[in-house]
Amino acid sequence: MSNQVTTAFVQQYSQNLAHLAQQKGSRLRGLVRTEGVRAKQAFFDQIGSQTASVRTTRGADTIINDTPHARRRVSLADYEVADLIDDQDKLRMIVDPTSSYAQAQAFAIGRAMDDVIISAATGTASTGETGTTSVTLSGYNGGSQVIAAGATAMTIAKLREAKFILDNADVDPSIPRVIVVSPKQIQDLLATTEVTSSDFNTVKSLAQGQVTDFLGFNFVTSTRLGLSGSTRSCFAYAVDGVLLAVAKDLTVRIDERPDKSYATQVYACMSIGATRMEETKVVQIDCVES
């Protein structure tokens, strides 16, 4: 047997490009209020609640009650991602990577959209006539919209408290409610809930993807939530409590670039912004994540 026969061994290569593990697009876009805009900044007006007065005498003058007005400002930003594919690259590869590049960029744009929504939900909102007044969840009503970590992970008690805060603020129960948590919070719920508890069976089904609803919340798992030290900031909200403004939706272009030796450019972009519309409709739930 020839010792050089290994030179003739065949090497087989994949005819497809596989995407590595990643969040494939936005998980939150369909779970917030979405508005189309055509401006760098957009304003959204709101009307508060009225109070009825008792008429105590016949023929009394009509009692006029001022209707409270409020306004939220959204500032939009442009996001983009691009890459080049030389014609020579295509000659050296079995597959044309163009469509895979475009798909990867769409995934990246979707993740950026989630980052914008998450930041707006728990961050600083711009209010007032010109949007120059800032309001935070921690500063609203003495921080009543923030459930402190309290040296504990996610617990059933924290979920119940979040539900109570929304209910106590008269948030319309017909509006869908969402809670965004990291994978660790689901694990913590399973670890801290008694096996004999009816809650455990629901959480177990939740972790296995058999149910998505618990205590009236639609659970969304995200690895993009903020982490400060060992504290993970999760949040629960009514869908119309967070607004996504879209000036330019996801756009993908594949063009030849004469200025780059006629390489193929794959380009994706969007122009969006987001804001928290009402503090009473968002609850931040801080959890220790070790």
Protein backbone atom coordinates (compact mmCIF):
# COMPACT_ATOMS: atom_id res chain seq x y z
CA MET A 1 0.00 0.00 0.00
CA SER A 2 1.34 3.41 -0.95
CA ASN A 3 2.17 5.71 1.94
CA GLN A 4 1.13 8.65 -0.24
CA VAL A 5 -2.43 7.51 -0.82
CA THR A 6 -3.65 10.00 1.83
CA THR A 7 -3.03 12.77 -0.71
CA ALA A 8 -5.99 11.48 -2.68
CA PHE A 9 -8.39 11.48 0.27
CA VAL A 10 -11.54 13.51 -0.41
CA GLN A 11 -12.53 16.44 1.82
CA GLN A 12 -16.22 17.23 1.93
CA TYR A 13 -17.46 20.74 2.71
CA SER A 14 -20.88 21.98 3.66
CA GLN A 15 -22.97 23.49 0.89
CA ASN A 16 -24.75 25.78 3.37
CA LEU A 17 -23.72 28.40 5.88
CA ALA A 18 -25.05 27.74 9.40
CA HIS A 19 -25.76 30.66 11.71
CA LEU A 20 -24.13 30.35 15.13
CA ALA A 21 -26.26 30.59 18.26
CA GLN A 22 -27.80 34.04 18.46
CA GLN A 23 -31.10 35.82 19.01
CA LYS A 24 -32.65 35.81 15.56
CA GLY A 25 -34.33 39.19 15.35
CA SER A 26 -36.58 41.11 17.73
CA ARG A 27 -38.63 39.33 20.37
CA LEU A 28 -40.41 42.44 21.63
CA ARG A 29 -41.52 44.35 18.54
CA GLY A 30 -44.92 42.70 18.40
CA LEU A 31 -45.43 43.19 22.13
CA VAL A 32 -45.38 47.00 22.32
CA ARG A 33 -47.44 49.79 20.80
CA THR A 34 -45.95 50.68 17.40
CA GLU A 35 -46.38 53.98 15.56
CA GLY A 36 -45.02 55.12 12.22
CA VAL A 37 -43.42 58.58 12.19
CA ARG A 38 -41.62 60.82 9.71
CA ALA A 39 -39.45 63.03 11.89
CA LYS A 40 -36.27 63.08 13.95
CA GLN A 41 -38.40 63.61 17.06
CA ALA A 42 -42.03 62.68 17.60
CA PHE A 43 -44.51 63.77 20.28
CA PHE A 44 -47.43 61.71 21.56
CA ASP A 45 -50.18 63.47 23.49
CA GLN A 46 -52.10 61.91 26.36
CA ILE A 47 -55.23 62.68 28.38
CA GLY A 48 -55.48 61.86 32.07
CA SER A 49 -58.46 60.82 34.17
CA GLN A 50 -61.33 63.11 35.16
CA THR A 51 -63.26 63.29 38.44
CA ALA A 52 -67.01 63.66 38.56
CA SER A 53 -68.51 66.20 40.97
CA VAL A 54 -71.77 65.96 42.87
CA ARG A 55 -74.41 68.58 42.04
CA THR A 56 -75.85 69.62 45.39
CA THR A 57 -78.46 72.23 44.40
CA ARG A 58 -81.06 72.69 41.69
CA GLY A 59 -80.15 75.10 38.92
CA ALA A 60 -76.54 75.30 40.07
CA ASP A 61 -73.81 76.51 37.75
CA THR A 62 -72.09 73.81 35.71
CA ILE A 63 -68.92 72.66 37.41
CA ILE A 64 -65.97 72.80 35.02
CA ASN A 65 -63.14 70.34 35.62
CA ASP A 66 -59.90 70.75 33.71
CA THR A 67 -58.93 67.70 31.71
CA PRO A 68 -55.29 66.82 32.44
CA HIS A 69 -53.00 66.61 29.43
CA ALA A 70 -49.54 65.09 29.10
CA ARG A 71 -47.04 64.52 26.31
CA ARG A 72 -44.17 62.12 25.61
CA ARG A 73 -41.25 62.75 23.28
CA VAL A 74 -39.47 60.09 21.26
CA SER A 75 -36.06 60.76 19.73
CA LEU A 76 -35.22 58.54 16.78
CA ALA A 77 -31.80 57.18 15.86
CA ASP A 78 -30.45 55.46 12.77
CA TYR A 79 -28.99 51.96 12.93
CA GLU A 80 -27.05 50.22 10.19
CA VAL A 81 -24.76 47.29 9.48
CA ALA A 82 -22.88 46.45 6.28
CA ASP A 83 -20.27 44.08 4.87
CA LEU A 84 -18.51 43.50 1.56
CA ILE A 85 -18.13 40.31 -0.45
CA ASP A 86 -15.46 40.33 -3.15
CA ASP A 87 -16.15 38.43 -6.34
CA GLN A 88 -12.94 36.53 -5.65
CA ASP A 89 -14.42 35.41 -2.32
CA LYS A 90 -17.32 33.78 -4.16
CA LEU A 91 -14.92 31.95 -6.46
CA ARG A 92 -13.08 30.49 -3.47
CA MET A 93 -16.23 29.32 -1.70
CA ILE A 94 -18.66 26.54 -2.52
CA VAL A 95 -21.64 28.69 -1.50
CA ASP A 96 -22.56 32.30 -2.19
CA PRO A 97 -22.70 33.92 1.28
CA THR A 98 -24.74 36.94 0.19
CA SER A 99 -28.15 35.79 1.43
CA SER A 100 -26.65 34.50 4.69
CA TYR A 101 -24.97 37.86 5.28
CA ALA A 102 -28.28 39.64 4.70
CA GLN A 103 -30.03 37.32 7.14
CA ALA A 104 -27.35 37.82 9.79
CA GLN A 105 -27.68 41.58 9.44
CA ALA A 106 -31.46 41.40 9.79
CA PHE A 107 -30.93 39.43 13.00
CA ALA A 108 -28.56 42.16 14.26
CA ILE A 109 -31.04 44.94 13.46
CA GLY A 110 -33.77 43.03 15.33
CA ARG A 111 -31.57 42.70 18.41
CA ALA A 112 -30.83 46.42 18.30
CA MET A 113 -34.58 47.05 18.23
CA ASP A 114 -34.99 45.02 21.44
CA ASP A 115 -32.17 47.01 23.05
CA VAL A 116 -34.01 50.25 22.24
CA ILE A 117 -37.30 48.95 23.66
CA ILE A 118 -35.69 47.60 26.85
CA SER A 119 -33.79 50.84 27.44
CA ALA A 120 -36.95 52.91 26.98
CA ALA A 121 -39.12 50.73 29.21
CA THR A 122 -36.97 51.11 32.31
CA GLY A 123 -34.95 54.23 31.45
CA THR A 124 -35.67 57.96 31.49
CA ALA A 125 -38.72 59.24 29.60
CA SER A 126 -38.99 62.75 28.16
CA THR A 127 -42.24 64.57 28.99
CA GLY A 128 -43.75 68.03 28.91
CA GLU A 129 -44.69 70.45 26.13
CA THR A 130 -41.24 70.31 24.53
CA GLY A 131 -40.16 67.00 26.02
CA THR A 132 -37.53 68.58 28.25
CA THR A 133 -38.83 67.16 31.54
CA SER A 134 -37.33 63.83 32.55
CA VAL A 135 -39.09 61.15 34.56
CA THR A 136 -37.70 57.85 35.82
CA LEU A 137 -39.38 54.80 37.27
CA SER A 138 -37.31 55.09 40.44
CA GLY A 139 -38.33 58.73 40.81
CA TYR A 140 -42.01 58.23 40.09
CA ASN A 141 -44.35 58.15 43.10
CA GLY A 142 -41.48 57.41 45.46
CA GLY A 143 -40.17 54.59 43.31
CA SER A 144 -43.35 52.56 43.71
CA GLN A 145 -42.89 51.10 40.22
CA VAL A 146 -39.61 49.39 41.17
CA ILE A 147 -39.51 46.12 43.07
CA ALA A 148 -36.14 46.06 44.82
CA ALA A 149 -33.88 43.05 44.52
CA GLY A 150 -33.93 42.59 48.28
CA ALA A 151 -31.03 40.12 48.13
CA THR A 152 -33.31 37.61 46.40
CA ALA A 153 -33.69 36.19 42.92
CA MET A 154 -36.97 36.10 41.01
CA THR A 155 -39.74 34.72 43.19
CA ILE A 156 -43.45 34.08 42.88
CA ALA A 157 -43.92 36.82 45.47
CA LYS A 158 -42.24 39.37 43.18
CA LEU A 159 -44.45 38.33 40.28
CA ARG A 160 -47.52 38.73 42.46
CA GLU A 161 -46.33 42.15 43.61
CA ALA A 162 -45.85 43.25 39.99
CA LYS A 163 -49.39 42.15 39.20
CA PHE A 164 -50.69 44.01 42.25
CA ILE A 165 -48.90 47.23 41.27
CA LEU A 166 -50.51 47.19 37.82
CA ASP A 167 -53.93 46.24 39.18
CA ASN A 168 -53.75 48.85 41.93
CA ALA A 169 -53.06 51.53 39.32
CA ASP A 170 -56.26 50.58 37.49
CA VAL A 171 -54.36 49.39 34.43
CA ASP A 172 -57.05 47.98 32.14
CA PRO A 173 -56.92 44.18 32.57
CA SER A 174 -58.01 43.74 28.96
CA ILE A 175 -54.66 45.14 27.78
CA PRO A 176 -52.17 42.28 27.32
CA ARG A 177 -49.38 42.20 29.89
CA VAL A 178 -45.81 41.08 29.28
CA ILE A 179 -42.89 40.27 31.55
CA VAL A 180 -39.34 40.17 30.22
CA VAL A 181 -36.87 38.02 32.15
CA SER A 182 -33.49 36.43 31.56
CA PRO A 183 -33.10 32.64 31.47
CA LYS A 184 -31.73 32.76 35.03
CA GLN A 185 -35.05 34.02 36.39
CA ILE A 186 -36.88 30.97 35.05
CA GLN A 187 -34.23 28.75 36.60
CA ASP A 188 -34.55 30.60 39.92
CA LEU A 189 -38.33 30.22 39.92
CA LEU A 190 -37.94 26.48 39.47
CA ALA A 191 -35.33 26.27 42.21
CA THR A 192 -37.21 28.29 44.82
CA THR A 193 -40.74 27.01 44.31
CA GLU A 194 -41.86 24.04 46.33
CA VAL A 195 -42.40 20.87 44.30
CA THR A 196 -45.78 20.44 45.92
CA SER A 197 -46.86 23.94 44.96
CA SER A 198 -49.35 24.37 42.14
CA ASP A 199 -47.17 27.27 41.00
CA PHE A 200 -44.27 24.89 40.46
CA ASN A 201 -46.14 22.90 37.84
CA THR A 202 -46.96 26.08 35.93
CA VAL A 203 -43.38 27.37 36.11
CA LYS A 204 -42.08 23.97 35.03
CA SER A 205 -44.37 24.03 32.01
CA LEU A 206 -43.25 27.60 31.36
CA ALA A 207 -39.60 26.56 31.32
CA GLN A 208 -40.40 23.70 28.94
CA GLY A 209 -42.21 26.05 26.58
CA GLN A 210 -45.57 24.39 27.15
CA VAL A 211 -47.19 27.59 28.43
CA THR A 212 -46.26 31.25 28.08
CA ASP A 213 -48.78 32.80 30.45
CA PHE A 214 -48.52 32.97 34.24
CA LEU A 215 -50.36 35.34 36.61
CA GLY A 216 -51.69 37.13 33.52
CA PHE A 217 -48.21 37.84 32.11
CA ASN A 218 -46.92 36.67 28.76
CA PHE A 219 -43.32 35.62 29.51
CA VAL A 220 -40.54 36.62 27.13
CA THR A 221 -37.00 35.41 27.76
CA SER A 222 -34.21 37.79 26.79
CA THR A 223 -30.46 37.81 27.36
CA ARG A 224 -30.29 41.55 26.67
CA LEU A 225 -31.62 42.87 29.98
CA GLY A 226 -29.43 45.21 31.97
CA LEU A 227 -27.12 43.73 34.62
CA SER A 228 -25.59 45.99 37.28
CA GLY A 229 -23.18 44.03 39.40
CA SER A 230 -25.24 41.01 40.40
CA THR A 231 -28.63 42.70 39.91
CA ARG A 232 -30.63 41.93 36.79
CA SER A 233 -33.37 44.42 35.93
CA CYS A 234 -36.39 42.59 34.55
CA PHE A 235 -39.65 44.38 33.85
CA ALA A 236 -43.36 43.81 33.45
CA TYR A 237 -45.64 46.09 31.47
CA ALA A 238 -48.98 46.58 29.77
CA VAL A 239 -48.46 46.49 25.99
CA ASP A 240 -49.61 50.07 25.41
CA GLY A 241 -47.30 51.33 28.16
CA VAL A 242 -44.24 51.16 25.89
CA LEU A 243 -44.17 52.76 22.45
CA LEU A 244 -41.91 51.99 19.48
CA ALA A 245 -41.70 54.75 16.85
CA VAL A 246 -40.58 53.60 13.42
CA ALA A 247 -39.44 56.18 10.87
CA LYS A 248 -37.71 53.68 8.60
CA ASP A 249 -38.37 49.99 8.99
CA LEU A 250 -35.78 47.29 8.44
CA THR A 251 -34.36 47.74 4.94
CA VAL A 252 -31.85 45.41 3.35
CA ARG A 253 -30.00 46.29 0.14
CA ILE A 254 -27.57 44.20 -1.87
CA ASP A 255 -25.66 46.30 -4.40
CA GLU A 256 -22.50 46.24 -6.45
CA ARG A 257 -19.92 48.81 -5.32
CA PRO A 258 -17.79 50.15 -8.21
CA ASP A 259 -15.69 52.09 -5.68
CA LYS A 260 -14.81 48.82 -3.91
CA SER A 261 -13.52 46.89 -6.92
CA TYR A 262 -17.10 45.95 -7.77
CA ALA A 263 -17.52 44.00 -4.56
CA THR A 264 -21.05 43.15 -3.44
CA GLN A 265 -22.18 45.20 -0.45
CA VAL A 266 -24.81 43.77 1.88
CA TYR A 267 -26.38 46.59 3.86
CA ALA A 268 -29.19 46.76 6.45
CA CYS A 269 -30.60 49.77 8.29
CA MET A 270 -33.53 51.15 10.27
CA SER A 271 -34.53 54.37 12.03
CA ILE A 272 -36.41 53.93 15.31
CA GLY A 273 -36.95 55.28 18.80
CA ALA A 274 -38.94 54.23 21.85
CA THR A 275 -40.37 55.63 25.04
CA ARG A 276 -42.26 54.59 28.13
CA MET A 277 -45.74 56.08 27.74
CA GLU A 278 -46.91 55.71 31.34
CA GLU A 279 -44.98 54.93 34.51
CA THR A 280 -48.04 53.21 36.02
CA LYS A 281 -47.99 50.65 33.20
CA VAL A 282 -44.39 49.50 33.72
CA VAL A 283 -42.92 47.71 36.74
CA GLN A 284 -39.19 47.12 37.09
CA ILE A 285 -38.35 43.90 38.93
CA ASP A 286 -34.78 43.75 40.18
CA CYS A 287 -33.41 40.28 40.88
CA VAL A 288 -30.12 39.06 42.30
CA GLU A 289 -28.44 36.97 39.61
CA SER A 290 -25.42 35.03 40.78
